[in-house]
Amino acid sequence: MKYKLVAIDLDDSLLGSDYKISQENKLAIKKAEEKGVIVTIATGRPLQSCLPYVRELGLDVPFITYNGAMVIEGKTMDILYHETIEPEYGMDILELVEEFSPTVLVFADNKLYVNEINERTDRYTRISSMEANLRSDLQSIALKGATKILFYNEPEKVRKMEEKIMESLKGKLNYHISKPFFLEVINSNTSKGIALEALAKNIGISSHEVIAIGDSYNDISMIEYAGLGVAVDNAYDEIKSRADYISKSNIDNGVAEVIERFILEG
């Protein structure tokens, strides 16, 4: 099979534990591009947090952010697609999880709004390169339409929040645990898989010509869409069970392994 498009998740997939792209992965991506293959990223991160990696890789193609809620043109940084959470459901979910006292991060207009400044928000802003704007009433941001809402909490409470959302708002929102302490929420009609399908169709590529590489629950949609869905070895077991191929882990250059095996040697 000749693959023409590769979509790669960032955290715990392309990036190592130091949040950097290894030389091995960069070289493999460059060689794939030299063969005419389009390589892009598909991440839950906001735009600002993606830019250093977009520039490092020299991407001039559309890339997927906010778990598929926003697609950006690599050359111009124009927003090609943007879907926000319906205000009613955004406000509902903020109220629904209050009892668990999460740190709440709301993304709107590529800005970050938080309900508190603490060690969690400090850690997130360091990783994301975003400034946290403290707001006592995040409902007003949700009312205008948020791109993504992220709940940061202890893993046990994250799972309980997910269960409560499933009971009350299933089908009205797209939600998933991206890390044990992150529960991410976007519009019900958006996902990495939906965004990747639209991107592929726009450039005349069919699903069986696509490779998608990821590690977490927010990657399932694109792993299942792609002709070759890949889970890195450090992925959750459920993600591995959905994948067509399990590569080496992120710290062992799993992305490079996939590119070398299925594109450079294929």
Protein backbone atom coordinates (compact mmCIF):
# COMPACT_ATOMS: atom_id res chain seq x y z
CA MET A 1 0.00 0.00 0.00
CA LYS A 2 1.28 3.44 -0.92
CA TYR A 3 0.50 5.84 1.87
CA LYS A 4 0.17 9.53 1.03
CA LEU A 5 -0.72 11.20 4.32
CA VAL A 6 0.57 10.70 7.88
CA ALA A 7 -1.13 12.36 10.86
CA ILE A 8 0.78 12.22 14.14
CA ASP A 9 -0.30 13.07 17.66
CA LEU A 10 2.18 15.17 19.63
CA ASP A 11 2.24 14.33 23.34
CA ASP A 12 3.38 10.80 24.16
CA SER A 13 3.48 9.94 20.45
CA LEU A 14 5.81 12.19 18.45
CA LEU A 15 7.26 13.94 21.50
CA GLY A 16 9.49 12.30 24.04
CA SER A 17 9.16 12.67 27.80
CA ASP A 18 11.16 15.91 27.46
CA TYR A 19 8.50 17.33 25.10
CA LYS A 20 11.01 17.36 22.25
CA ILE A 21 11.06 15.76 18.79
CA SER A 22 13.97 13.36 18.48
CA GLN A 23 16.44 13.67 15.64
CA GLU A 24 15.44 10.18 14.49
CA ASN A 25 11.78 11.19 14.17
CA LYS A 26 12.64 14.47 12.44
CA LEU A 27 14.87 12.71 9.92
CA ALA A 28 12.21 10.09 9.14
CA ILE A 29 9.57 12.79 8.62
CA LYS A 30 11.89 14.69 6.31
CA LYS A 31 12.59 11.57 4.25
CA ALA A 32 8.86 10.83 3.98
CA GLU A 33 8.21 14.36 2.73
CA GLU A 34 11.01 13.98 0.19
CA LYS A 35 9.09 10.98 -1.17
CA GLY A 36 6.03 13.19 -1.64
CA VAL A 37 4.17 12.06 1.49
CA ILE A 38 2.24 14.73 3.39
CA VAL A 39 3.03 14.72 7.11
CA THR A 40 0.98 16.70 9.61
CA ILE A 41 0.18 16.81 13.30
CA ALA A 42 -3.15 16.13 15.00
CA THR A 43 -3.16 17.22 18.61
CA GLY A 44 -5.37 18.27 21.47
CA ARG A 45 -3.07 21.21 22.09
CA PRO A 46 -4.13 24.80 21.35
CA LEU A 47 -2.59 26.74 18.47
CA GLN A 48 0.08 28.56 20.48
CA SER A 49 1.31 25.31 21.95
CA CYS A 50 1.67 23.72 18.49
CA LEU A 51 3.60 26.54 16.82
CA PRO A 52 7.10 25.62 18.02
CA TYR A 53 6.68 22.11 16.60
CA VAL A 54 5.06 23.31 13.38
CA ARG A 55 8.02 25.62 12.82
CA GLU A 56 10.58 23.02 13.84
CA LEU A 57 9.16 20.57 11.30
CA GLY A 58 8.64 23.27 8.68
CA LEU A 59 5.04 22.22 8.13
CA ASP A 60 3.34 24.08 5.30
CA VAL A 61 0.19 21.93 5.27
CA PRO A 62 -2.99 22.13 7.39
CA PHE A 63 -2.62 20.79 10.92
CA ILE A 64 -5.21 19.76 13.51
CA THR A 65 -5.49 21.39 16.94
CA TYR A 66 -7.89 21.25 19.91
CA ASN A 67 -8.66 17.58 19.15
CA GLY A 68 -10.12 18.51 15.77
CA ALA A 69 -12.09 21.60 16.78
CA MET A 70 -9.72 23.86 14.86
CA VAL A 71 -7.69 23.25 11.70
CA ILE A 72 -4.93 25.71 10.79
CA GLU A 73 -3.21 26.32 7.45
CA GLY A 74 0.50 25.81 8.00
CA LYS A 75 1.73 28.44 5.54
CA THR A 76 -0.50 31.36 6.44
CA MET A 77 -1.77 30.34 9.91
CA ASP A 78 -5.28 31.03 8.67
CA ILE A 79 -8.08 29.19 10.45
CA LEU A 80 -9.57 26.77 7.92
CA TYR A 81 -12.12 25.22 10.29
CA HIS A 82 -13.37 26.08 13.76
CA GLU A 83 -16.23 24.54 15.72
CA THR A 84 -17.12 25.68 19.24
CA ILE A 85 -19.03 23.97 22.01
CA GLU A 86 -22.72 24.84 21.97
CA PRO A 87 -23.16 27.47 24.73
CA GLU A 88 -25.95 25.58 26.48
CA TYR A 89 -23.86 22.43 26.83
CA GLY A 90 -20.74 24.36 27.75
CA MET A 91 -22.54 25.96 30.67
CA ASP A 92 -24.17 22.66 31.62
CA ILE A 93 -20.88 20.81 31.89
CA LEU A 94 -19.24 23.52 33.98
CA GLU A 95 -22.07 23.23 36.48
CA LEU A 96 -22.19 19.44 36.31
CA VAL A 97 -18.64 18.85 37.55
CA GLU A 98 -18.46 21.56 40.20
CA GLU A 99 -18.77 19.01 43.01
CA PHE A 100 -15.40 17.52 42.02
CA SER A 101 -13.61 20.90 42.37
CA PRO A 102 -11.49 20.59 39.21
CA THR A 103 -9.12 23.19 37.91
CA VAL A 104 -11.00 24.41 34.83
CA LEU A 105 -9.32 25.64 31.66
CA VAL A 106 -11.55 27.17 28.98
CA PHE A 107 -10.16 27.96 25.53
CA ALA A 108 -11.89 30.62 23.46
CA ASP A 109 -10.56 32.75 20.59
CA ASN A 110 -7.16 31.10 21.13
CA LYS A 111 -7.00 32.48 24.66
CA LEU A 112 -6.91 30.55 27.93
CA TYR A 113 -9.26 31.32 30.81
CA VAL A 114 -9.01 29.57 34.19
CA ASN A 115 -11.00 29.42 37.41
CA GLU A 116 -7.92 29.52 39.62
CA ILE A 117 -4.18 30.09 39.51
CA ASN A 118 -2.30 27.21 41.13
CA GLU A 119 0.39 24.63 40.51
CA ARG A 120 -1.78 22.95 37.88
CA THR A 121 -2.33 26.08 35.81
CA ASP A 122 1.33 27.02 36.20
CA ARG A 123 2.35 23.63 34.86
CA TYR A 124 -0.08 23.82 31.97
CA THR A 125 0.98 27.33 30.92
CA ARG A 126 4.63 26.27 30.94
CA ILE A 127 3.87 23.36 28.63
CA SER A 128 1.42 25.22 26.39
CA SER A 129 3.16 28.61 26.14
CA MET A 130 -0.16 30.29 26.90
CA GLU A 131 -0.99 32.98 29.43
CA ALA A 132 -3.71 32.06 31.92
CA ASN A 133 -6.45 34.66 32.34
CA LEU A 134 -8.17 34.32 35.71
CA ARG A 135 -11.96 34.57 35.51
CA SER A 136 -14.41 34.11 38.36
CA ASP A 137 -17.26 33.44 35.92
CA LEU A 138 -16.22 30.98 33.22
CA GLN A 139 -19.90 30.58 32.34
CA SER A 140 -19.69 33.89 30.47
CA ILE A 141 -16.88 32.50 28.30
CA ALA A 142 -18.82 29.29 27.64
CA LEU A 143 -21.86 31.37 26.71
CA LYS A 144 -19.91 32.94 23.84
CA GLY A 145 -18.77 29.52 22.62
CA ALA A 146 -15.60 27.81 23.82
CA THR A 147 -13.32 25.85 21.49
CA LYS A 148 -12.38 23.41 24.24
CA ILE A 149 -12.87 22.94 27.97
CA LEU A 150 -10.27 21.01 29.93
CA PHE A 151 -10.77 19.71 33.47
CA TYR A 152 -7.54 19.12 35.39
CA ASN A 153 -7.97 16.90 38.44
CA GLU A 154 -6.79 13.82 40.31
CA PRO A 155 -7.11 10.71 38.08
CA GLU A 156 -9.82 9.13 40.23
CA LYS A 157 -11.92 12.29 40.10
CA VAL A 158 -11.32 12.59 36.36
CA ARG A 159 -12.85 9.16 35.86
CA LYS A 160 -15.81 10.07 38.05
CA MET A 161 -16.38 13.28 36.09
CA GLU A 162 -16.31 11.31 32.86
CA GLU A 163 -18.94 8.91 34.25
CA LYS A 164 -21.18 11.79 35.29
CA ILE A 165 -20.88 13.48 31.90
CA MET A 166 -21.72 10.18 30.23
CA GLU A 167 -24.87 9.89 32.34
CA SER A 168 -26.09 13.44 31.76
CA LEU A 169 -24.63 14.77 28.51
CA LYS A 170 -23.81 11.75 26.34
CA GLY A 171 -24.20 12.61 22.66
CA LYS A 172 -24.23 16.34 23.35
CA LEU A 173 -20.47 16.70 23.74
CA ASN A 174 -17.33 14.88 22.65
CA TYR A 175 -15.20 14.14 25.71
CA HIS A 176 -12.24 11.93 26.50
CA ILE A 177 -9.36 11.45 28.92
CA SER A 178 -6.16 12.50 27.16
CA LYS A 179 -3.91 12.07 30.19
CA PRO A 180 -4.88 10.49 33.53
CA PHE A 181 -5.42 13.97 34.99
CA PHE A 182 -6.95 15.66 31.89
CA LEU A 183 -10.58 15.38 30.77
CA GLU A 184 -11.07 17.29 27.52
CA VAL A 185 -14.39 18.42 26.05
CA ILE A 186 -15.21 19.69 22.56
CA ASN A 187 -18.23 19.99 20.27
CA SER A 188 -20.01 16.69 19.67
CA ASN A 189 -19.51 16.99 15.90
CA THR A 190 -15.74 17.32 16.09
CA SER A 191 -12.86 14.91 16.63
CA LYS A 192 -9.39 14.25 15.29
CA GLY A 193 -10.90 11.61 13.00
CA ILE A 194 -13.50 13.94 11.53
CA ALA A 195 -10.91 16.65 10.94
CA LEU A 196 -8.45 14.20 9.38
CA GLU A 197 -11.12 12.82 7.06
CA ALA A 198 -12.02 16.34 5.89
CA LEU A 199 -8.35 17.20 5.38
CA ALA A 200 -7.72 14.04 3.37
CA LYS A 201 -10.78 14.51 1.18
CA ASN A 202 -9.80 18.11 0.50
CA ILE A 203 -6.51 16.99 -1.03
CA GLY A 204 -7.92 13.96 -2.80
CA ILE A 205 -6.62 11.24 -0.50
CA SER A 206 -8.73 8.25 0.56
CA SER A 207 -8.74 6.76 4.05
CA HIS A 208 -6.77 3.67 3.02
CA GLU A 209 -3.90 5.96 1.98
CA VAL A 210 -3.67 7.51 5.46
CA ILE A 211 -1.57 6.58 8.49
CA ALA A 212 -2.58 7.92 11.91
CA ILE A 213 -0.34 7.56 14.96
CA GLY A 214 -1.46 8.15 18.54
CA ASP A 215 -1.53 6.94 22.12
CA SER A 216 -4.69 8.10 23.92
CA TYR A 217 -8.48 8.13 23.84
CA ASN A 218 -8.65 11.33 21.80
CA ASP A 219 -6.70 9.49 19.08
CA ILE A 220 -9.16 6.62 18.66
CA SER A 221 -11.27 8.38 16.01
CA MET A 222 -8.33 9.01 13.68
CA ILE A 223 -6.75 5.62 14.35
CA GLU A 224 -10.00 3.96 13.31
CA TYR A 225 -10.44 6.25 10.29
CA ALA A 226 -6.98 5.69 8.83
CA GLY A 227 -6.08 2.82 6.55
CA LEU A 228 -3.24 2.13 8.95
CA GLY A 229 -4.07 3.09 12.51
CA VAL A 230 -1.02 2.95 14.75
CA ALA A 231 -0.76 2.93 18.53
CA VAL A 232 2.65 3.58 20.04
CA ASP A 233 3.73 0.97 22.58
CA ASN A 234 3.12 3.31 25.53
CA ALA A 235 -0.53 3.78 24.51
CA TYR A 236 -3.44 2.73 26.68
CA ASP A 237 -4.41 -0.93 26.14
CA GLU A 238 -7.79 0.07 24.70
CA ILE A 239 -6.11 2.22 22.06
CA LYS A 240 -3.79 -0.67 21.19
CA SER A 241 -6.80 -2.93 20.75
CA ARG A 242 -8.25 -0.51 18.18
CA ALA A 243 -5.02 -0.14 16.20
CA ASP A 244 -3.85 -2.05 13.13
CA TYR A 245 -0.23 -1.88 14.22
CA ILE A 246 1.63 -1.27 17.48
CA SER A 247 4.92 0.54 17.08
CA LYS A 248 7.77 1.13 19.49
CA SER A 249 7.08 3.64 22.24
CA ASN A 250 7.39 7.40 21.91
CA ILE A 251 10.74 7.39 23.72
CA ASP A 252 11.99 4.67 21.36
CA ASN A 253 11.13 6.64 18.20
CA GLY A 254 7.96 4.79 17.30
CA VAL A 255 7.07 7.40 14.68
CA ALA A 256 10.37 6.85 12.87
CA GLU A 257 9.81 3.08 12.96
CA VAL A 258 6.38 3.44 11.31
CA ILE A 259 7.62 5.78 8.60
CA GLU A 260 10.63 3.61 7.83
CA ARG A 261 8.61 0.38 7.66
CA PHE A 262 5.50 1.53 5.82
CA ILE A 263 6.76 4.44 3.69
CA LEU A 264 10.51 4.38 3.17
CA GLU A 265 10.73 0.60 2.81
CA GLY A 266 7.22 0.14 1.41
